[in-house]
Structure formats: C-alpha cells, structure tokens
Amino acid sequence: MPRYELCVILKAMQRPETAAVLRRTVETLFERGAVVRSLENLGERRLPYKISKHDSRHTHGGYFSIDFHASPKIVSELLDHLERDIDVLRPTVLKKDIELSKTQCCGTQSEKAKSATSR
C-alpha cells in the first residue's frame, strides 16, 4: 500500500471538539482499511485568506497532518467524505515518495572517497 499524508485545516474550535473531529477522521481511515502511522498537530493560526465553508466565513484554523498507508482506491472516497464534514475547512491528500537509502542511489560516503582518491 502506498504512503500518503492527509493535511487538514479544521475550523477553530475548543480542544474537545477538535479531538472529536480528529477521532472521526482517523476512524474513517480505519474503516476504509488504512494504517495510520502518525498524527501531528501543526498548531492553530490565522488563515492566509478567508475561507467560506458551510455558510460560514473562517479566519482562523487548526492545521493537522496524518501520515497513513492505504489503497489508492480510497483516496477519492476519503476526500469526498471530508468535504462533507462541517468541521473540515480544507482536506488535502499528498502521496509521499519512497525514500531511498544512500547505498541504493549513489553509494556510501566511504566509497565516494575511495574512488576520488584512486584517480
């Protein structure tokens, strides 16, 4: 399963309401067969521009990042579900690249040093 990062901006709420929204979001991922690796709170801040969503204008929001593995088929379903959630202002799913180790792409530093000195 590919690795994805879900970045969401939630409307400004108190901590219990924010926790409930995040719990709903993670449970939605679990229901669709995803494996959640991490959840990171990036803080609450002023939005770069006013966002009108569900008949309200928002100027502040909470930023969160959820790292997960899932089938590519569920990504569009997940975004549709989050777009309908009244507490989510902006959902975005990014596919994360597979990180290559240094030995796979260009050798270790000691091999580079040996080849440079043997010339």
PDB file of N, CA and C in Angstrom:
ATOM      1  N   MET A   1       0.840  -1.178   0.000  1.00  0.00           N
ATOM      2  CA  MET A   1       0.000   0.000   0.000  1.00  0.00           C
ATOM      3  C   MET A   1       0.883   1.239   0.000  1.00  0.00           C
ATOM      4  N   PRO A   2       0.549   2.212  -0.838  1.00  0.00           N
ATOM      5  CA  PRO A   2       1.326   3.455  -0.875  1.00  0.00           C
ATOM      6  C   PRO A   2       1.149   4.268   0.404  1.00  0.00           C
ATOM      7  N   ARG A   3       2.089   5.151   0.624  1.00  0.00           N
ATOM      8  CA  ARG A   3       2.071   6.018   1.801  1.00  0.00           C
ATOM      9  C   ARG A   3       1.540   7.385   1.396  1.00  0.00           C
ATOM     10  N   TYR A   4       0.627   7.917   2.214  1.00  0.00           N
ATOM     11  CA  TYR A   4       0.002   9.208   1.946  1.00  0.00           C
ATOM     12  C   TYR A   4       0.117  10.106   3.171  1.00  0.00           C
ATOM     13  N   GLU A   5      -0.062  11.398   2.932  1.00  0.00           N
ATOM     14  CA  GLU A   5      -0.141  12.368   4.013  1.00  0.00           C
ATOM     15  C   GLU A   5      -1.426  13.158   3.817  1.00  0.00           C
ATOM     16  N   LEU A   6      -2.279  13.131   4.824  1.00  0.00           N
ATOM     17  CA  LEU A   6      -3.517  13.901   4.808  1.00  0.00           C
ATOM     18  C   LEU A   6      -3.277  15.178   5.597  1.00  0.00           C
ATOM     19  N   CYS A   7      -3.379  16.309   4.922  1.00  0.00           N
ATOM     20  CA  CYS A   7      -3.242  17.611   5.579  1.00  0.00           C
ATOM     21  C   CYS A   7      -4.639  18.214   5.662  1.00  0.00           C
ATOM     22  N   VAL A   8      -5.073  18.530   6.863  1.00  0.00           N
ATOM     23  CA  VAL A   8      -6.406  19.109   7.033  1.00  0.00           C
ATOM     24  C   VAL A   8      -6.309  20.409   7.810  1.00  0.00           C
ATOM     25  N   ILE A   9      -7.172  21.333   7.436  1.00  0.00           N
ATOM     26  CA  ILE A   9      -7.362  22.555   8.195  1.00  0.00           C
ATOM     27  C   ILE A   9      -8.758  22.445   8.790  1.00  0.00           C
ATOM     28  N   LEU A  10      -8.835  22.467  10.116  1.00  0.00           N
ATOM     29  CA  LEU A  10     -10.107  22.398  10.820  1.00  0.00           C
ATOM     30  C   LEU A  10     -10.508  23.792  11.260  1.00  0.00           C
ATOM     31  N   LYS A  11     -11.813  24.020  11.351  1.00  0.00           N
ATOM     32  CA  LYS A  11     -12.247  25.326  11.854  1.00  0.00           C
ATOM     33  C   LYS A  11     -11.800  25.485  13.301  1.00  0.00           C
ATOM     34  N   ALA A  12     -11.641  26.711  13.746  1.00  0.00           N
ATOM     35  CA  ALA A  12     -11.175  26.985  15.107  1.00  0.00           C
ATOM     36  C   ALA A  12     -12.228  26.519  16.108  1.00  0.00           C
ATOM     37  N   MET A  13     -11.802  25.581  16.995  1.00  0.00           N
ATOM     38  CA  MET A  13     -12.708  25.007  17.986  1.00  0.00           C
ATOM     39  C   MET A  13     -11.938  24.796  19.285  1.00  0.00           C
ATOM     40  N   GLN A  14     -12.667  24.474  20.347  1.00  0.00           N
ATOM     41  CA  GLN A  14     -12.045  24.113  21.608  1.00  0.00           C
ATOM     42  C   GLN A  14     -11.415  22.729  21.482  1.00  0.00           C
ATOM     43  N   ARG A  15     -10.535  22.384  22.395  1.00  0.00           N
ATOM     44  CA  ARG A  15      -9.790  21.121  22.330  1.00  0.00           C
ATOM     45  C   ARG A  15     -10.684  19.877  22.260  1.00  0.00           C
ATOM     46  N   PRO A  16     -11.753  19.748  23.066  1.00  0.00           N
ATOM     47  CA  PRO A  16     -12.577  18.532  22.978  1.00  0.00           C
ATOM     48  C   PRO A  16     -13.248  18.345  21.610  1.00  0.00           C
ATOM     49  N   GLU A  17     -13.721  19.443  21.024  1.00  0.00           N
ATOM     50  CA  GLU A  17     -14.356  19.359  19.713  1.00  0.00           C
ATOM     51  C   GLU A  17     -13.331  18.999  18.635  1.00  0.00           C
ATOM     52  N   THR A  18     -12.137  19.572  18.742  1.00  0.00           N
ATOM     53  CA  THR A  18     -11.073  19.255  17.793  1.00  0.00           C
ATOM     54  C   THR A  18     -10.690  17.783  17.894  1.00  0.00           C
ATOM     55  N   ALA A  19     -10.577  17.277  19.122  1.00  0.00           N
ATOM     56  CA  ALA A  19     -10.246  15.861  19.322  1.00  0.00           C
ATOM     57  C   ALA A  19     -11.316  14.963  18.723  1.00  0.00           C
ATOM     58  N   ALA A  20     -12.581  15.351  18.844  1.00  0.00           N
ATOM     59  CA  ALA A  20     -13.668  14.554  18.279  1.00  0.00           C
ATOM     60  C   ALA A  20     -13.595  14.508  16.752  1.00  0.00           C
ATOM     61  N   VAL A  21     -13.267  15.627  16.135  1.00  0.00           N
ATOM     62  CA  VAL A  21     -13.143  15.666  14.674  1.00  0.00           C
ATOM     63  C   VAL A  21     -11.978  14.791  14.216  1.00  0.00           C
ATOM     64  N   LEU A  22     -10.853  14.886  14.905  1.00  0.00           N
ATOM     65  CA  LEU A  22      -9.696  14.060  14.541  1.00  0.00           C
ATOM     66  C   LEU A  22      -9.994  12.579  14.755  1.00  0.00           C
ATOM     67  N   ARG A  23     -10.697  12.248  15.818  1.00  0.00           N
ATOM     68  CA  ARG A  23     -11.079  10.859  16.073  1.00  0.00           C
ATOM     69  C   ARG A  23     -11.973  10.344  14.942  1.00  0.00           C
ATOM     70  N   ARG A  24     -12.950  11.160  14.514  1.00  0.00           N
ATOM     71  CA  ARG A  24     -13.824  10.782  13.393  1.00  0.00           C
ATOM     72  C   ARG A  24     -13.015  10.547  12.127  1.00  0.00           C
ATOM     73  N   THR A  25     -12.058  11.419  11.879  1.00  0.00           N
ATOM     74  CA  THR A  25     -11.242  11.315  10.662  1.00  0.00           C
ATOM     75  C   THR A  25     -10.394  10.050  10.683  1.00  0.00           C
ATOM     76  N   VAL A  26      -9.750   9.760  11.800  1.00  0.00           N
ATOM     77  CA  VAL A  26      -8.915   8.565  11.902  1.00  0.00           C
ATOM     78  C   VAL A  26      -9.776   7.300  11.825  1.00  0.00           C
ATOM     79  N   GLU A  27     -10.956   7.307  12.453  1.00  0.00           N
ATOM     80  CA  GLU A  27     -11.856   6.160  12.359  1.00  0.00           C
ATOM     81  C   GLU A  27     -12.314   5.932  10.929  1.00  0.00           C
ATOM     82  N   THR A  28     -12.528   7.014  10.187  1.00  0.00           N
ATOM     83  CA  THR A  28     -12.884   6.889   8.769  1.00  0.00           C
ATOM     84  C   THR A  28     -11.767   6.205   7.999  1.00  0.00           C
ATOM     85  N   LEU A  29     -10.531   6.560   8.291  1.00  0.00           N
ATOM     86  CA  LEU A  29      -9.390   5.909   7.653  1.00  0.00           C
ATOM     87  C   LEU A  29      -9.356   4.420   8.005  1.00  0.00           C
ATOM     88  N   PHE A  30      -9.546   4.097   9.279  1.00  0.00           N
ATOM     89  CA  PHE A  30      -9.533   2.694   9.716  1.00  0.00           C
ATOM     90  C   PHE A  30     -10.638   1.892   9.034  1.00  0.00           C
ATOM     91  N   GLU A  31     -11.829   2.476   8.929  1.00  0.00           N
ATOM     92  CA  GLU A  31     -12.955   1.784   8.300  1.00  0.00           C
ATOM     93  C   GLU A  31     -12.665   1.443   6.846  1.00  0.00           C
ATOM     94  N   ARG A  32     -11.854   2.240   6.200  1.00  0.00           N
ATOM     95  CA  ARG A  32     -11.545   2.013   4.794  1.00  0.00           C
ATOM     96  C   ARG A  32     -10.270   1.187   4.606  1.00  0.00           C
ATOM     97  N   GLY A  33      -9.716   0.671   5.696  1.00  0.00           N
ATOM     98  CA  GLY A  33      -8.572  -0.229   5.609  1.00  0.00           C
ATOM     99  C   GLY A  33      -7.207   0.432   5.645  1.00  0.00           C
ATOM    100  N   ALA A  34      -7.131   1.683   6.041  1.00  0.00           N
ATOM    101  CA  ALA A  34      -5.851   2.389   6.101  1.00  0.00           C
ATOM    102  C   ALA A  34      -5.123   2.059   7.399  1.00  0.00           C
ATOM    103  N   VAL A  35      -3.812   2.220   7.372  1.00  0.00           N
ATOM    104  CA  VAL A  35      -2.966   2.054   8.550  1.00  0.00           C
ATOM    105  C   VAL A  35      -2.352   3.419   8.859  1.00  0.00           C
ATOM    106  N   VAL A  36      -2.737   3.983   9.998  1.00  0.00           N
ATOM    107  CA  VAL A  36      -2.266   5.323  10.368  1.00  0.00           C
ATOM    108  C   VAL A  36      -0.916   5.202  11.066  1.00  0.00           C
ATOM    109  N   ARG A  37       0.066   5.930  10.565  1.00  0.00           N
ATOM    110  CA  ARG A  37       1.415   5.920  11.139  1.00  0.00           C
ATOM    111  C   ARG A  37       1.601   7.014  12.180  1.00  0.00           C
ATOM    112  N   SER A  38       1.081   8.204  11.900  1.00  0.00           N
ATOM    113  CA  SER A  38       1.258   9.299  12.859  1.00  0.00           C
ATOM    114  C   SER A  38       0.214  10.382  12.636  1.00  0.00           C
ATOM    115  N   LEU A  39       0.000  11.164  13.686  1.00  0.00           N
ATOM    116  CA  LEU A  39      -0.885  12.315  13.657  1.00  0.00           C
ATOM    117  C   LEU A  39      -0.107  13.459  14.281  1.00  0.00           C
ATOM    118  N   GLU A  40      -0.010  14.562  13.568  1.00  0.00           N
ATOM    119  CA  GLU A  40       0.787  15.687  14.056  1.00  0.00           C
ATOM    120  C   GLU A  40      -0.044  16.962  14.079  1.00  0.00           C
ATOM    121  N   ASN A  41      -0.014  17.644  15.206  1.00  0.00           N
ATOM    122  CA  ASN A  41      -0.679  18.934  15.351  1.00  0.00           C
ATOM    123  C   ASN A  41       0.306  20.010  14.932  1.00  0.00           C
ATOM    124  N   LEU A  42      -0.030  20.755  13.897  1.00  0.00           N
ATOM    125  CA  LEU A  42       0.849  21.806  13.404  1.00  0.00           C
ATOM    126  C   LEU A  42       0.477  23.175  13.964  1.00  0.00           C
ATOM    127  N   GLY A  43      -0.540  23.203  14.817  1.00  0.00           N
ATOM    128  CA  GLY A  43      -0.906  24.440  15.501  1.00  0.00           C
ATOM    129  C   GLY A  43      -2.093  25.149  14.894  1.00  0.00           C
ATOM    130  N   GLU A  44      -2.607  26.080  15.666  1.00  0.00           N
ATOM    131  CA  GLU A  44      -3.705  26.911  15.183  1.00  0.00           C
ATOM    132  C   GLU A  44      -3.131  28.262  14.789  1.00  0.00           C
ATOM    133  N   ARG A  45      -3.573  28.748  13.652  1.00  0.00           N
ATOM    134  CA  ARG A  45      -3.064  30.033  13.180  1.00  0.00           C
ATOM    135  C   ARG A  45      -4.094  30.723  12.300  1.00  0.00           C
ATOM    136  N   ARG A  46      -3.790  31.935  11.979  1.00  0.00           N
ATOM    137  CA  ARG A  46      -4.650  32.723  11.095  1.00  0.00           C
ATOM    138  C   ARG A  46      -4.526  32.160   9.682  1.00  0.00           C
ATOM    139  N   LEU A  47      -5.643  32.035   8.992  1.00  0.00           N
ATOM    140  CA  LEU A  47      -5.629  31.532   7.619  1.00  0.00           C
ATOM    141  C   LEU A  47      -5.061  32.601   6.686  1.00  0.00           C
ATOM    142  N   PRO A  48      -4.410  32.198   5.599  1.00  0.00           N
ATOM    143  CA  PRO A  48      -3.836  33.189   4.682  1.00  0.00           C
ATOM    144  C   PRO A  48      -4.902  34.025   3.965  1.00  0.00           C
ATOM    145  N   TYR A  49      -6.111  33.504   3.898  1.00  0.00           N
ATOM    146  CA  TYR A  49      -7.241  34.229   3.321  1.00  0.00           C
ATOM    147  C   TYR A  49      -8.513  33.667   3.953  1.00  0.00           C
ATOM    148  N   LYS A  50      -9.601  34.422   3.892  1.00  0.00           N
ATOM    149  CA  LYS A  50     -10.856  33.972   4.480  1.00  0.00           C
ATOM    150  C   LYS A  50     -11.397  32.799   3.670  1.00  0.00           C
ATOM    151  N   ILE A  51     -11.861  31.781   4.371  1.00  0.00           N
ATOM    152  CA  ILE A  51     -12.425  30.604   3.718  1.00  0.00           C
ATOM    153  C   ILE A  51     -13.909  30.542   4.055  1.00  0.00           C
ATOM    154  N   SER A  52     -14.744  30.516   3.031  1.00  0.00           N
ATOM    155  CA  SER A  52     -16.182  30.358   3.229  1.00  0.00           C
ATOM    156  C   SER A  52     -16.524  28.891   3.033  1.00  0.00           C
ATOM    157  N   LYS A  53     -17.084  28.293   4.073  1.00  0.00           N
ATOM    158  CA  LYS A  53     -17.413  26.875   4.014  1.00  0.00           C
ATOM    159  C   LYS A  53     -18.647  26.628   4.865  1.00  0.00           C
ATOM    160  N   HIS A  54     -19.632  25.938   4.326  1.00  0.00           N
ATOM    161  CA  HIS A  54     -20.854  25.589   5.041  1.00  0.00           C
ATOM    162  C   HIS A  54     -21.525  26.834   5.633  1.00  0.00           C
ATOM    163  N   ASP A  55     -21.682  27.849   4.821  1.00  0.00           N
ATOM    164  CA  ASP A  55     -22.371  29.089   5.190  1.00  0.00           C
ATOM    165  C   ASP A  55     -21.700  29.872   6.322  1.00  0.00           C
ATOM    166  N   SER A  56     -20.392  29.717   6.489  1.00  0.00           N
ATOM    167  CA  SER A  56     -19.637  30.477   7.487  1.00  0.00           C
ATOM    168  C   SER A  56     -18.337  30.961   6.872  1.00  0.00           C
ATOM    169  N   ARG A  57     -17.851  32.105   7.367  1.00  0.00           N
ATOM    170  CA  ARG A  57     -16.550  32.620   6.932  1.00  0.00           C
ATOM    171  C   ARG A  57     -15.555  32.383   8.057  1.00  0.00           C
ATOM    172  N   HIS A  58     -14.423  31.806   7.724  1.00  0.00           N
ATOM    173  CA  HIS A  58     -13.429  31.440   8.731  1.00  0.00           C
ATOM    174  C   HIS A  58     -12.139  32.223   8.503  1.00  0.00           C
ATOM    175  N   THR A  59     -11.551  32.708   9.598  1.00  0.00           N
ATOM    176  CA  THR A  59     -10.292  33.447   9.512  1.00  0.00           C
ATOM    177  C   THR A  59      -9.164  32.729  10.257  1.00  0.00           C
ATOM    178  N   HIS A  60      -9.508  31.778  11.136  1.00  0.00           N
ATOM    179  CA  HIS A  60      -8.517  31.001  11.894  1.00  0.00           C
ATOM    180  C   HIS A  60      -8.821  29.522  11.733  1.00  0.00           C
ATOM    181  N   GLY A  61      -7.781  28.703  11.827  1.00  0.00           N
ATOM    182  CA  GLY A  61      -7.984  27.265  11.707  1.00  0.00           C
ATOM    183  C   GLY A  61      -6.860  26.486  12.352  1.00  0.00           C
ATOM    184  N   GLY A  62      -7.146  25.227  12.627  1.00  0.00           N
ATOM    185  CA  GLY A  62      -6.149  24.321  13.183  1.00  0.00           C
ATOM    186  C   GLY A  62      -5.584  23.445  12.078  1.00  0.00           C
ATOM    187  N   TYR A  63      -4.275  23.365  11.999  1.00  0.00           N
ATOM    188  CA  TYR A  63      -3.587  22.607  10.957  1.00  0.00           C
ATOM    189  C   TYR A  63      -3.123  21.268  11.528  1.00  0.00           C
ATOM    190  N   PHE A  64      -3.431  20.164  10.820  1.00  0.00           N
ATOM    191  CA  PHE A  64      -3.061  18.823  11.259  1.00  0.00           C
ATOM    192  C   PHE A  64      -2.556  18.019  10.079  1.00  0.00           C
ATOM    193  N   SER A  65      -1.654  17.096  10.365  1.00  0.00           N
ATOM    194  CA  SER A  65      -1.095  16.207   9.350  1.00  0.00           C
ATOM    195  C   SER A  65      -1.237  14.767   9.844  1.00  0.00           C
ATOM    196  N   ILE A  66      -1.785  13.896   8.975  1.00  0.00           N
ATOM    197  CA  ILE A  66      -1.952  12.481   9.304  1.00  0.00           C
ATOM    198  C   ILE A  66      -1.210  11.673   8.254  1.00  0.00           C
ATOM    199  N   ASP A  67      -0.252  10.882   8.704  1.00  0.00           N
ATOM    200  CA  ASP A  67       0.566  10.032   7.829  1.00  0.00           C
ATOM    201  C   ASP A  67      -0.046   8.632   7.856  1.00  0.00           C
ATOM    202  N   PHE A  68      -0.365   8.074   6.662  1.00  0.00           N
ATOM    203  CA  PHE A  68      -1.018   6.766   6.641  1.00  0.00           C
ATOM    204  C   PHE A  68      -0.677   5.992   5.371  1.00  0.00           C
ATOM    205  N   HIS A  69      -0.889   4.674   5.441  1.00  0.00           N
ATOM    206  CA  HIS A  69      -0.779   3.783   4.289  1.00  0.00           C
ATOM    207  C   HIS A  69      -2.189   3.356   3.917  1.00  0.00           C
ATOM    208  N   ALA A  70      -2.507   3.363   2.614  1.00  0.00           N
ATOM    209  CA  ALA A  70      -3.851   2.962   2.194  1.00  0.00           C
ATOM    210  C   ALA A  70      -3.842   2.587   0.721  1.00  0.00           C
ATOM    211  N   SER A  71      -4.892   1.923   0.327  1.00  0.00           N
ATOM    212  CA  SER A  71      -5.094   1.594  -1.078  1.00  0.00           C
ATOM    213  C   SER A  71      -5.414   2.875  -1.847  1.00  0.00           C
ATOM    214  N   PRO A  72      -4.921   3.017  -3.066  1.00  0.00           N
ATOM    215  CA  PRO A  72      -5.214   4.224  -3.838  1.00  0.00           C
ATOM    216  C   PRO A  72      -6.706   4.426  -4.116  1.00  0.00           C
ATOM    217  N   LYS A  73      -7.476   3.358  -4.047  1.00  0.00           N
ATOM    218  CA  LYS A  73      -8.911   3.445  -4.336  1.00  0.00           C
ATOM    219  C   LYS A  73      -9.674   4.276  -3.315  1.00  0.00           C
ATOM    220  N   ILE A  74      -9.195   4.323  -2.083  1.00  0.00           N
ATOM    221  CA  ILE A  74      -9.964   5.006  -1.037  1.00  0.00           C
ATOM    222  C   ILE A  74      -9.709   6.502  -0.958  1.00  0.00           C
ATOM    223  N   VAL A  75      -8.713   7.003  -1.670  1.00  0.00           N
ATOM    224  CA  VAL A  75      -8.337   8.415  -1.539  1.00  0.00           C
ATOM    225  C   VAL A  75      -9.476   9.339  -1.982  1.00  0.00           C
ATOM    226  N   SER A  76     -10.097   9.050  -3.115  1.00  0.00           N
ATOM    227  CA  SER A  76     -11.193   9.914  -3.582  1.00  0.00           C
ATOM    228  C   SER A  76     -12.397   9.819  -2.654  1.00  0.00           C
ATOM    229  N   GLU A  77     -12.694   8.609  -2.128  1.00  0.00           N
ATOM    230  CA  GLU A  77     -13.788   8.445  -1.162  1.00  0.00           C
ATOM    231  C   GLU A  77     -13.511   9.253   0.098  1.00  0.00           C
ATOM    232  N   LEU A  78     -12.276   9.199   0.554  1.00  0.00           N
ATOM    233  CA  LEU A  78     -11.894   9.921   1.763  1.00  0.00           C
ATOM    234  C   LEU A  78     -12.066  11.424   1.577  1.00  0.00           C
ATOM    235  N   LEU A  79     -11.605  11.949   0.447  1.00  0.00           N
ATOM    236  CA  LEU A  79     -11.745  13.384   0.195  1.00  0.00           C
ATOM    237  C   LEU A  79     -13.213  13.787   0.101  1.00  0.00           C
ATOM    238  N   ASP A  80     -14.048  12.960  -0.542  1.00  0.00           N
ATOM    239  CA  ASP A  80     -15.481  13.262  -0.612  1.00  0.00           C
ATOM    240  C   ASP A  80     -16.090  13.314   0.785  1.00  0.00           C
ATOM    241  N   HIS A  81     -15.714  12.356   1.618  1.00  0.00           N
ATOM    242  CA  HIS A  81     -16.225  12.307   2.993  1.00  0.00           C
ATOM    243  C   HIS A  81     -15.793  13.550   3.784  1.00  0.00           C
ATOM    244  N   LEU A  82     -14.525  13.935   3.655  1.00  0.00           N
ATOM    245  CA  LEU A  82     -14.021  15.089   4.403  1.00  0.00           C
ATOM    246  C   LEU A  82     -14.603  16.406   3.889  1.00  0.00           C
ATOM    247  N   GLU A  83     -14.896  16.497   2.604  1.00  0.00           N
ATOM    248  CA  GLU A  83     -15.507  17.713   2.053  1.00  0.00           C
ATOM    249  C   GLU A  83     -16.900  17.934   2.646  1.00  0.00           C
ATOM    250  N   ARG A  84     -17.591  16.852   2.995  1.00  0.00           N
ATOM    251  CA  ARG A  84     -18.930  16.960   3.581  1.00  0.00           C
ATOM    252  C   ARG A  84     -18.895  17.228   5.078  1.00  0.00           C
ATOM    253  N   ASP A  85     -17.770  17.006   5.725  1.00  0.00           N
ATOM    254  CA  ASP A  85     -17.647  17.233   7.166  1.00  0.00           C
ATOM    255  C   ASP A  85     -17.684  18.734   7.441  1.00  0.00           C
ATOM    256  N   ILE A  86     -18.597  19.158   8.306  1.00  0.00           N
ATOM    257  CA  ILE A  86     -18.777  20.599   8.526  1.00  0.00           C
ATOM    258  C   ILE A  86     -17.640  21.234   9.315  1.00  0.00           C
ATOM    259  N   ASP A  87     -16.793  20.430   9.954  1.00  0.00           N
ATOM    260  CA  ASP A  87     -15.694  20.971  10.748  1.00  0.00           C
ATOM    261  C   ASP A  87     -14.377  21.040   9.983  1.00  0.00           C
ATOM    262  N   VAL A  88     -14.316  20.455   8.789  1.00  0.00           N
ATOM    263  CA  VAL A  88     -13.089  20.437   7.986  1.00  0.00           C
ATOM    264  C   VAL A  88     -13.178  21.543   6.941  1.00  0.00           C
ATOM    265  N   LEU A  89     -12.206  22.452   6.977  1.00  0.00           N
ATOM    266  CA  LEU A  89     -12.185  23.547   6.003  1.00  0.00           C
ATOM    267  C   LEU A  89     -11.472  23.157   4.717  1.00  0.00           C
ATOM    268  N   ARG A  90     -10.319  22.511   4.819  1.00  0.00           N
ATOM    269  CA  ARG A  90      -9.527  22.132   3.646  1.00  0.00           C
ATOM    270  C   ARG A  90      -8.881  20.767   3.856  1.00  0.00           C
ATOM    271  N   PRO A  91      -9.333  19.733   3.155  1.00  0.00           N
ATOM    272  CA  PRO A  91      -8.607  18.464   3.182  1.00  0.00           C
ATOM    273  C   PRO A  91      -7.720  18.337   1.947  1.00  0.00           C
ATOM    274  N   THR A  92      -6.514  17.854   2.118  1.00  0.00           N
ATOM    275  CA  THR A  92      -5.591  17.627   1.009  1.00  0.00           C
ATOM    276  C   THR A  92      -4.845  16.328   1.261  1.00  0.00           C
ATOM    277  N   VAL A  93      -4.799  15.459   0.252  1.00  0.00           N
ATOM    278  CA  VAL A  93      -4.053  14.211   0.369  1.00  0.00           C
ATOM    279  C   VAL A  93      -2.864  14.277  -0.577  1.00  0.00           C
ATOM    280  N   LEU A  94      -1.680  14.024  -0.032  1.00  0.00           N
ATOM    281  CA  LEU A  94      -0.446  14.017  -0.816  1.00  0.00           C
ATOM    282  C   LEU A  94       0.154  12.623  -0.786  1.00  0.00           C
ATOM    283  N   LYS A  95       0.612  12.135  -1.921  1.00  0.00           N
ATOM    284  CA  LYS A  95       1.287  10.843  -1.956  1.00  0.00           C
ATOM    285  C   LYS A  95       2.750  11.090  -1.618  1.00  0.00           C
ATOM    286  N   LYS A  96       3.252  10.347  -0.626  1.00  0.00           N
ATOM    287  CA  LYS A  96       4.639  10.521  -0.202  1.00  0.00           C
ATOM    288  C   LYS A  96       5.536   9.603  -1.017  1.00  0.00           C
ATOM    289  N   ASP A  97       6.696  10.108  -1.388  1.00  0.00           N
ATOM    290  CA  ASP A  97       7.665   9.321  -2.137  1.00  0.00           C
ATOM    291  C   ASP A  97       8.323   8.302  -1.232  1.00  0.00           C
ATOM    292  N   ILE A  98       8.740   7.199  -1.828  1.00  0.00           N
ATOM    293  CA  ILE A  98       9.501   6.211  -1.089  1.00  0.00           C
ATOM    294  C   ILE A  98      10.920   6.743  -0.980  1.00  0.00           C
ATOM    295  N   GLU A  99      11.410   6.822   0.249  1.00  0.00           N
ATOM    296  CA  GLU A  99      12.750   7.353   0.458  1.00  0.00           C
ATOM    297  C   GLU A  99      13.773   6.267   0.167  1.00  0.00           C
ATOM    298  N   LEU A 100      14.749   6.584  -0.664  1.00  0.00           N
ATOM    299  CA  LEU A 100      15.805   5.647  -0.984  1.00  0.00           C
ATOM    300  C   LEU A 100      16.966   5.854  -0.019  1.00  0.00           C
ATOM    301  N   SER A 101      17.576   4.763   0.375  1.00  0.00           N
ATOM    302  CA  SER A 101      18.745   4.903   1.230  1.00  0.00           C
ATOM    303  C   SER A 101      19.921   5.357   0.373  1.00  0.00           C
ATOM    304  N   LYS A 102      20.942   5.890   0.994  1.00  0.00           N
ATOM    305  CA  LYS A 102      22.094   6.404   0.244  1.00  0.00           C
ATOM    306  C   LYS A 102      22.826   5.290  -0.496  1.00  0.00           C
ATOM    307  N   THR A 103      22.824   4.080   0.034  1.00  0.00           N
ATOM    308  CA  THR A 103      23.526   2.983  -0.636  1.00  0.00           C
ATOM    309  C   THR A 103      22.811   2.573  -1.911  1.00  0.00           C
ATOM    310  N   GLN A 104      21.495   2.763  -1.993  1.00  0.00           N
ATOM    311  CA  GLN A 104      20.755   2.391  -3.185  1.00  0.00           C
ATOM    312  C   GLN A 104      20.958   3.388  -4.322  1.00  0.00           C
ATOM    313  N   CYS A 105      21.061   4.668  -4.004  1.00  0.00           N
ATOM    314  CA  CYS A 105      21.083   5.648  -5.088  1.00  0.00           C
ATOM    315  C   CYS A 105      22.492   6.052  -5.510  1.00  0.00           C
ATOM    316  N   CYS A 106      23.403   6.211  -4.592  1.00  0.00           N
ATOM    317  CA  CYS A 106      24.690   6.751  -5.015  1.00  0.00           C
ATOM    318  C   CYS A 106      25.874   6.219  -4.210  1.00  0.00           C
ATOM    319  N   GLY A 107      25.693   5.143  -3.463  1.00  0.00           N
ATOM    320  CA  GLY A 107      26.808   4.577  -2.706  1.00  0.00           C
ATOM    321  C   GLY A 107      27.041   5.316  -1.410  1.00  0.00           C
ATOM    322  N   THR A 108      27.885   4.761  -0.576  1.00  0.00           N
ATOM    323  CA  THR A 108      28.181   5.390   0.712  1.00  0.00           C
ATOM    324  C   THR A 108      29.275   6.435   0.554  1.00  0.00           C
ATOM    325  N   GLN A 109      29.461   7.235   1.547  1.00  0.00           N
ATOM    326  CA  GLN A 109      30.469   8.292   1.504  1.00  0.00           C
ATOM    327  C   GLN A 109      31.876   7.701   1.401  1.00  0.00           C
ATOM    328  N   SER A 110      32.104   6.566   2.059  1.00  0.00           N
ATOM    329  CA  SER A 110      33.451   5.986   2.017  1.00  0.00           C
ATOM    330  C   SER A 110      33.785   5.477   0.611  1.00  0.00           C
ATOM    331  N   GLU A 111      32.786   4.964  -0.118  1.00  0.00           N
ATOM    332  CA  GLU A 111      33.027   4.525  -1.490  1.00  0.00           C
ATOM    333  C   GLU A 111      33.358   5.706  -2.390  1.00  0.00           C
ATOM    334  N   LYS A 112      32.683   6.838  -2.171  1.00  0.00           N
ATOM    335  CA  LYS A 112      32.962   8.037  -2.949  1.00  0.00           C
ATOM    336  C   LYS A 112      34.372   8.527  -2.673  1.00  0.00           C
ATOM    337  N   ALA A 113      34.782   8.505  -1.421  1.00  0.00           N
ATOM    338  CA  ALA A 113      36.116   8.963  -1.049  1.00  0.00           C
ATOM    339  C   ALA A 113      37.185   8.071  -1.668  1.00  0.00           C
ATOM    340  N   LYS A 114      36.963   6.754  -1.660  1.00  0.00           N
ATOM    341  CA  LYS A 114      37.917   5.819  -2.251  1.00  0.00           C
ATOM    342  C   LYS A 114      38.059   6.051  -3.751  1.00  0.00           C
ATOM    343  N   SER A 115      36.924   6.261  -4.425  1.00  0.00           N
ATOM    344  CA  SER A 115      37.004   6.456  -5.871  1.00  0.00           C
ATOM    345  C   SER A 115      37.660   7.797  -6.215  1.00  0.00           C
ATOM    346  N   ALA A 116      37.473   8.801  -5.368  1.00  0.00           N
ATOM    347  CA  ALA A 116      38.076  10.118  -5.614  1.00  0.00           C
ATOM    348  C   ALA A 116      39.584  10.081  -5.386  1.00  0.00           C
ATOM    349  N   THR A 117      40.041   9.322  -4.392  1.00  0.00           N
ATOM    350  CA  THR A 117      41.467   9.267  -4.101  1.00  0.00           C
ATOM    351  C   THR A 117      42.212   8.336  -5.043  1.00  0.00           C
ATOM    352  N   SER A 118      41.534   7.389  -5.662  1.00  0.00           N
ATOM    353  CA  SER A 118      42.228   6.444  -6.564  1.00  0.00           C
ATOM    354  C   SER A 118      42.448   7.035  -7.958  1.00  0.00           C
ATOM    355  N   ARG A 119      41.875   8.167  -8.241  1.00  0.00           N
ATOM    356  CA  ARG A 119      42.016   8.784  -9.564  1.00  0.00           C
ATOM    357  C   ARG A 119      43.291   9.499  -9.720  1.00  0.00           C
TER     358      ARG A 119
END
